[in-house]
């Protein structure tokens, strides 16, 4: 119980700090604002090659593989607002997405090592 409360508080503090900080700027790309009612959530993708297929400003559906091997969409129409380390991904590429606040906590709590995405044309 105490662990769950601590994790929830950590997620809340992450949301607050990301909302209060300036919008990230990536060389050659315009900064992305976080819309009212949305939060920024860092997502660790399953492989470094996947991260090269997305850029700031893209809208994506975040997908994970279930235990049965079938895909499950866990967030729809997330806006990519930052790609830390762009151009030099490590073995754990991270992207930061903006999602509605109601969806943010469950997305931040997702620990699956098999996260991927589908780029959504807007």
N, C-alpha and C. Protein backbone atom coordinates (compact mmCIF):
# COMPACT_ATOMS: atom_id res chain seq x y z
N UNK A 1 0.82 -1.19 0.00
CA UNK A 1 0.00 0.00 0.00
C UNK A 1 0.87 1.26 0.00
N UNK A 2 1.87 1.28 0.90
CA UNK A 2 2.75 2.44 0.96
C UNK A 2 3.52 2.61 -0.34
N UNK A 3 3.92 1.48 -0.96
CA UNK A 3 4.62 1.53 -2.24
C UNK A 3 3.75 2.13 -3.33
N UNK A 4 2.48 1.78 -3.33
CA UNK A 4 1.55 2.31 -4.33
C UNK A 4 1.37 3.81 -4.15
N UNK A 5 1.27 4.24 -2.91
CA UNK A 5 1.12 5.67 -2.63
C UNK A 5 2.37 6.41 -3.06
N UNK A 6 3.54 5.85 -2.75
CA UNK A 6 4.80 6.49 -3.15
C UNK A 6 4.91 6.59 -4.66
N UNK A 7 4.53 5.53 -5.36
CA UNK A 7 4.58 5.54 -6.82
C UNK A 7 3.62 6.59 -7.38
N UNK A 8 2.43 6.68 -6.82
CA UNK A 8 1.45 7.67 -7.28
C UNK A 8 1.98 9.08 -7.07
N UNK A 9 2.58 9.33 -5.91
CA UNK A 9 3.14 10.66 -5.64
C UNK A 9 4.28 10.97 -6.59
N UNK A 10 5.11 9.98 -6.90
CA UNK A 10 6.21 10.21 -7.83
C UNK A 10 5.68 10.60 -9.21
N UNK A 11 4.62 9.93 -9.66
CA UNK A 11 4.02 10.25 -10.96
C UNK A 11 3.45 11.67 -10.93
N UNK A 12 2.78 12.03 -9.85
CA UNK A 12 2.22 13.38 -9.73
C UNK A 12 3.32 14.43 -9.78
N UNK A 13 4.41 14.20 -9.03
CA UNK A 13 5.52 15.16 -9.05
C UNK A 13 6.16 15.24 -10.42
N UNK A 14 6.24 14.11 -11.13
CA UNK A 14 6.77 14.12 -12.49
C UNK A 14 5.90 14.99 -13.39
N UNK A 15 4.57 14.81 -13.30
CA UNK A 15 3.66 15.61 -14.12
C UNK A 15 3.81 17.09 -13.81
N UNK A 16 3.89 17.42 -12.53
CA UNK A 16 4.00 18.83 -12.13
C UNK A 16 5.31 19.41 -12.65
N UNK A 17 6.40 18.68 -12.50
CA UNK A 17 7.69 19.22 -12.92
C UNK A 17 7.75 19.37 -14.44
N UNK A 18 7.15 18.44 -15.17
CA UNK A 18 7.16 18.56 -16.62
C UNK A 18 6.26 19.69 -17.09
N UNK A 19 5.16 19.91 -16.42
CA UNK A 19 4.25 21.00 -16.80
C UNK A 19 4.88 22.35 -16.48
N UNK A 20 5.67 22.42 -15.40
CA UNK A 20 6.23 23.69 -14.97
C UNK A 20 7.50 24.05 -15.71
N UNK A 21 8.16 23.08 -16.32
CA UNK A 21 9.41 23.36 -16.99
C UNK A 21 9.15 23.89 -18.39
N UNK A 22 10.15 24.58 -18.97
CA UNK A 22 9.97 25.07 -20.32
C UNK A 22 9.80 23.91 -21.29
N UNK A 23 9.12 24.18 -22.38
CA UNK A 23 8.92 23.16 -23.39
C UNK A 23 10.26 22.77 -23.98
N UNK A 24 10.54 21.45 -24.11
CA UNK A 24 11.82 21.03 -24.66
C UNK A 24 11.99 21.46 -26.11
N UNK A 25 13.21 21.79 -26.48
CA UNK A 25 13.51 22.16 -27.85
C UNK A 25 14.57 21.21 -28.37
N UNK A 26 14.33 20.65 -29.53
CA UNK A 26 15.27 19.75 -30.18
C UNK A 26 15.82 20.48 -31.39
N UNK A 27 17.11 20.39 -31.61
CA UNK A 27 17.75 21.09 -32.71
C UNK A 27 17.00 20.87 -34.01
N UNK A 28 16.63 21.96 -34.66
CA UNK A 28 15.96 21.88 -35.94
C UNK A 28 14.46 21.64 -35.87
N UNK A 29 13.91 21.54 -34.66
CA UNK A 29 12.49 21.27 -34.53
C UNK A 29 11.86 22.31 -33.61
N UNK A 30 10.63 22.67 -33.93
CA UNK A 30 9.91 23.64 -33.11
C UNK A 30 9.49 23.00 -31.79
N UNK A 31 9.47 23.77 -30.70
CA UNK A 31 9.03 23.21 -29.43
C UNK A 31 7.55 22.87 -29.47
N UNK A 32 7.17 21.88 -28.69
CA UNK A 32 5.78 21.46 -28.61
C UNK A 32 5.21 21.85 -27.25
N UNK A 33 4.08 22.49 -27.25
CA UNK A 33 3.41 22.88 -26.02
C UNK A 33 2.57 21.73 -25.50
N UNK A 34 2.37 21.70 -24.18
CA UNK A 34 1.47 20.74 -23.58
C UNK A 34 0.12 21.44 -23.43
N UNK A 35 -0.90 20.88 -24.06
CA UNK A 35 -2.22 21.49 -24.05
C UNK A 35 -2.83 21.44 -22.65
N UNK A 36 -3.73 22.37 -22.38
CA UNK A 36 -4.45 22.35 -21.11
C UNK A 36 -5.15 21.01 -20.94
N UNK A 37 -5.08 20.46 -19.73
CA UNK A 37 -5.72 19.19 -19.45
C UNK A 37 -4.89 17.99 -19.87
N UNK A 38 -3.68 18.23 -20.37
CA UNK A 38 -2.78 17.16 -20.79
C UNK A 38 -1.55 17.14 -19.88
N UNK A 39 -0.85 16.02 -19.89
CA UNK A 39 0.40 15.87 -19.13
C UNK A 39 1.45 15.25 -20.03
N UNK A 40 2.71 15.42 -19.66
CA UNK A 40 3.83 14.83 -20.40
C UNK A 40 4.23 13.54 -19.71
N UNK A 41 4.42 12.48 -20.50
CA UNK A 41 4.78 11.17 -19.95
C UNK A 41 5.96 10.61 -20.75
N UNK A 42 7.05 10.25 -20.06
CA UNK A 42 8.16 9.60 -20.78
C UNK A 42 7.83 8.14 -21.03
N UNK A 43 8.13 7.66 -22.21
CA UNK A 43 7.86 6.29 -22.61
C UNK A 43 9.17 5.65 -23.07
N UNK A 44 9.49 4.49 -22.52
CA UNK A 44 10.66 3.75 -22.98
C UNK A 44 10.20 2.74 -24.03
N UNK A 45 10.74 2.87 -25.23
CA UNK A 45 10.37 1.98 -26.33
C UNK A 45 11.15 0.67 -26.25
N UNK A 46 10.65 -0.34 -26.95
CA UNK A 46 11.26 -1.66 -26.84
C UNK A 46 12.60 -1.79 -27.55
N UNK A 47 12.88 -0.95 -28.54
CA UNK A 47 14.18 -1.03 -29.22
C UNK A 47 14.58 0.33 -29.76
N UNK A 48 15.87 0.49 -29.96
CA UNK A 48 16.38 1.77 -30.42
C UNK A 48 15.97 2.09 -31.86
N UNK A 49 15.79 1.08 -32.69
CA UNK A 49 15.41 1.32 -34.08
C UNK A 49 14.03 1.93 -34.23
N UNK A 50 13.14 1.63 -33.30
CA UNK A 50 11.78 2.15 -33.36
C UNK A 50 11.77 3.67 -33.19
N UNK A 51 12.60 4.17 -32.30
CA UNK A 51 12.64 5.60 -32.03
C UNK A 51 12.99 6.45 -33.23
N UNK A 52 13.75 5.90 -34.17
CA UNK A 52 14.15 6.65 -35.35
C UNK A 52 12.98 6.92 -36.29
N UNK A 53 11.87 6.23 -36.10
CA UNK A 53 10.72 6.36 -37.00
C UNK A 53 9.75 7.45 -36.58
N UNK A 54 10.04 8.14 -35.48
CA UNK A 54 9.11 9.15 -34.98
C UNK A 54 9.86 10.47 -34.79
N UNK A 55 9.13 11.57 -34.88
CA UNK A 55 9.73 12.88 -34.65
C UNK A 55 8.78 13.75 -33.84
N UNK A 56 9.33 14.79 -33.25
CA UNK A 56 8.52 15.71 -32.46
C UNK A 56 7.41 16.25 -33.34
N UNK A 57 6.19 16.25 -32.79
CA UNK A 57 5.02 16.72 -33.52
C UNK A 57 4.16 15.60 -34.08
N UNK A 58 4.73 14.37 -34.14
CA UNK A 58 3.94 13.23 -34.61
C UNK A 58 2.89 12.85 -33.59
N UNK A 59 1.77 12.36 -34.07
CA UNK A 59 0.73 11.79 -33.22
C UNK A 59 0.85 10.28 -33.34
N UNK A 60 0.84 9.59 -32.19
CA UNK A 60 1.04 8.14 -32.21
C UNK A 60 0.03 7.44 -31.30
N UNK A 61 -0.25 6.20 -31.64
CA UNK A 61 -0.97 5.29 -30.75
C UNK A 61 0.11 4.42 -30.10
N UNK A 62 0.12 4.32 -28.78
CA UNK A 62 1.12 3.52 -28.09
C UNK A 62 0.56 2.12 -27.89
N UNK A 63 1.35 1.14 -28.28
CA UNK A 63 0.91 -0.25 -28.32
C UNK A 63 1.85 -1.11 -27.48
N UNK A 64 1.28 -2.09 -26.78
CA UNK A 64 2.10 -3.07 -26.07
C UNK A 64 1.63 -4.46 -26.44
N UNK A 65 2.54 -5.41 -26.34
CA UNK A 65 2.19 -6.81 -26.59
C UNK A 65 1.65 -7.40 -25.30
N UNK A 66 0.52 -8.08 -25.40
CA UNK A 66 -0.06 -8.73 -24.23
C UNK A 66 0.65 -10.06 -24.00
N UNK A 67 0.35 -10.70 -22.89
CA UNK A 67 0.95 -12.01 -22.60
C UNK A 67 0.62 -13.04 -23.67
N UNK A 68 -0.54 -12.90 -24.29
CA UNK A 68 -0.94 -13.83 -25.35
C UNK A 68 -0.30 -13.48 -26.69
N UNK A 69 0.44 -12.35 -26.73
CA UNK A 69 1.12 -11.96 -27.96
C UNK A 69 0.35 -11.02 -28.85
N UNK A 70 -0.89 -10.71 -28.48
CA UNK A 70 -1.69 -9.80 -29.28
C UNK A 70 -1.41 -8.35 -28.88
N UNK A 71 -1.48 -7.43 -29.84
CA UNK A 71 -1.25 -6.03 -29.51
C UNK A 71 -2.43 -5.41 -28.77
N UNK A 72 -2.12 -4.49 -27.88
CA UNK A 72 -3.16 -3.74 -27.16
C UNK A 72 -2.77 -2.27 -27.19
N UNK A 73 -3.68 -1.43 -27.69
CA UNK A 73 -3.44 0.01 -27.71
C UNK A 73 -3.69 0.54 -26.30
N UNK A 74 -2.66 1.16 -25.70
CA UNK A 74 -2.81 1.67 -24.33
C UNK A 74 -2.92 3.19 -24.28
N UNK A 75 -2.66 3.85 -25.39
CA UNK A 75 -2.87 5.30 -25.48
C UNK A 75 -3.08 5.66 -26.95
N UNK A 76 -4.10 6.46 -27.21
CA UNK A 76 -4.39 6.87 -28.58
C UNK A 76 -4.10 8.34 -28.78
N UNK A 77 -3.60 8.65 -29.96
CA UNK A 77 -3.37 10.03 -30.40
C UNK A 77 -2.49 10.81 -29.43
N UNK A 78 -1.43 10.16 -28.92
CA UNK A 78 -0.45 10.85 -28.06
C UNK A 78 0.44 11.72 -28.95
N UNK A 79 0.71 12.93 -28.51
CA UNK A 79 1.56 13.85 -29.26
C UNK A 79 2.99 13.73 -28.78
N UNK A 80 3.93 13.46 -29.68
CA UNK A 80 5.35 13.38 -29.32
C UNK A 80 5.85 14.81 -29.11
N UNK A 81 6.31 15.11 -27.87
CA UNK A 81 6.76 16.47 -27.57
C UNK A 81 8.26 16.56 -27.35
N UNK A 82 8.94 15.43 -27.17
CA UNK A 82 10.39 15.45 -27.00
C UNK A 82 10.95 14.06 -27.29
N UNK A 83 12.18 14.05 -27.77
CA UNK A 83 12.91 12.81 -27.98
C UNK A 83 14.30 13.02 -27.38
N UNK A 84 14.45 12.79 -26.07
CA UNK A 84 15.76 12.99 -25.44
C UNK A 84 16.81 12.11 -26.11
N UNK A 85 17.94 12.69 -26.39
CA UNK A 85 19.02 11.92 -27.01
C UNK A 85 18.81 11.65 -28.49
N UNK A 86 17.91 12.40 -29.13
CA UNK A 86 17.65 12.19 -30.56
C UNK A 86 18.96 12.24 -31.33
N UNK A 87 19.11 11.31 -32.25
CA UNK A 87 20.32 11.26 -33.05
C UNK A 87 21.37 10.34 -32.44
N UNK A 88 21.16 9.90 -31.22
CA UNK A 88 22.12 9.02 -30.57
C UNK A 88 21.43 8.13 -29.57
N UNK A 89 20.40 7.41 -30.01
CA UNK A 89 19.64 6.56 -29.11
C UNK A 89 20.54 5.55 -28.42
N UNK A 90 20.23 5.28 -27.16
CA UNK A 90 20.90 4.23 -26.42
C UNK A 90 20.07 2.96 -26.58
N UNK A 91 20.39 1.94 -25.80
CA UNK A 91 19.63 0.69 -25.90
C UNK A 91 18.21 0.84 -25.36
N UNK A 92 17.91 1.92 -24.65
CA UNK A 92 16.57 2.16 -24.12
C UNK A 92 16.08 3.52 -24.60
N UNK A 93 15.62 3.62 -25.84
CA UNK A 93 15.18 4.92 -26.34
C UNK A 93 13.94 5.42 -25.60
N UNK A 94 13.95 6.68 -25.32
CA UNK A 94 12.83 7.30 -24.61
C UNK A 94 12.24 8.39 -25.48
N UNK A 95 10.92 8.44 -25.51
CA UNK A 95 10.23 9.57 -26.11
C UNK A 95 9.30 10.14 -25.04
N UNK A 96 8.99 11.41 -25.16
CA UNK A 96 8.07 12.04 -24.22
C UNK A 96 6.83 12.42 -25.02
N UNK A 97 5.67 11.98 -24.51
CA UNK A 97 4.41 12.24 -25.20
C UNK A 97 3.47 13.02 -24.30
N UNK A 98 2.58 13.74 -24.92
CA UNK A 98 1.52 14.46 -24.23
C UNK A 98 0.22 13.70 -24.43
N UNK A 99 -0.45 13.41 -23.30
CA UNK A 99 -1.72 12.68 -23.32
C UNK A 99 -2.69 13.38 -22.38
N UNK A 100 -4.01 13.12 -22.51
CA UNK A 100 -4.95 13.69 -21.55
C UNK A 100 -4.58 13.27 -20.12
N UNK A 101 -4.78 14.18 -19.17
CA UNK A 101 -4.39 13.93 -17.79
C UNK A 101 -4.99 12.64 -17.24
N UNK A 102 -6.22 12.32 -17.61
CA UNK A 102 -6.88 11.11 -17.11
C UNK A 102 -6.15 9.85 -17.57
N UNK A 103 -5.45 9.91 -18.67
CA UNK A 103 -4.74 8.77 -19.23
C UNK A 103 -3.28 8.73 -18.77
N UNK A 104 -2.77 9.84 -18.28
CA UNK A 104 -1.35 9.96 -17.96
C UNK A 104 -0.84 9.01 -16.89
N UNK A 105 -1.56 8.87 -15.79
CA UNK A 105 -1.08 8.03 -14.68
C UNK A 105 -0.97 6.57 -15.09
N UNK A 106 -1.97 6.05 -15.79
CA UNK A 106 -1.89 4.64 -16.19
C UNK A 106 -0.79 4.42 -17.22
N UNK A 107 -0.58 5.38 -18.10
CA UNK A 107 0.49 5.26 -19.08
C UNK A 107 1.85 5.32 -18.40
N UNK A 108 2.01 6.23 -17.46
CA UNK A 108 3.28 6.35 -16.74
C UNK A 108 3.58 5.11 -15.91
N UNK A 109 2.56 4.44 -15.43
CA UNK A 109 2.75 3.25 -14.60
C UNK A 109 3.03 2.00 -15.43
N UNK A 110 2.84 2.06 -16.74
CA UNK A 110 3.06 0.89 -17.60
C UNK A 110 4.54 0.54 -17.62
N UNK A 111 4.86 -0.69 -17.28
CA UNK A 111 6.25 -1.12 -17.18
C UNK A 111 6.61 -2.18 -18.21
N UNK A 112 5.75 -2.43 -19.18
CA UNK A 112 6.02 -3.44 -20.19
C UNK A 112 7.29 -3.10 -20.96
N UNK A 113 8.16 -4.09 -21.17
CA UNK A 113 9.35 -3.84 -21.99
C UNK A 113 9.05 -3.88 -23.48
N UNK A 114 7.80 -4.11 -23.83
CA UNK A 114 7.42 -4.28 -25.23
C UNK A 114 6.56 -3.15 -25.76
N UNK A 115 6.88 -1.91 -25.42
CA UNK A 115 6.10 -0.78 -25.92
C UNK A 115 6.58 -0.39 -27.31
N UNK A 116 5.63 -0.10 -28.16
CA UNK A 116 5.91 0.37 -29.50
C UNK A 116 4.86 1.41 -29.85
N UNK A 117 4.78 1.81 -31.09
CA UNK A 117 3.78 2.81 -31.47
C UNK A 117 3.40 2.66 -32.93
N UNK A 118 2.28 3.28 -33.25
CA UNK A 118 1.81 3.40 -34.63
C UNK A 118 1.66 4.89 -34.88
N UNK A 119 2.27 5.41 -35.95
CA UNK A 119 2.14 6.83 -36.26
C UNK A 119 0.76 7.05 -36.86
N UNK A 120 0.07 8.07 -36.32
CA UNK A 120 -1.29 8.39 -36.75
C UNK A 120 -1.23 9.64 -37.62
N UNK A 121 -1.77 9.57 -38.81
CA UNK A 121 -1.78 10.73 -39.68
C UNK A 121 -2.88 11.68 -39.24
N UNK A 122 -2.53 12.94 -39.09
CA UNK A 122 -3.49 13.96 -38.69
C UNK A 122 -3.58 15.02 -39.73
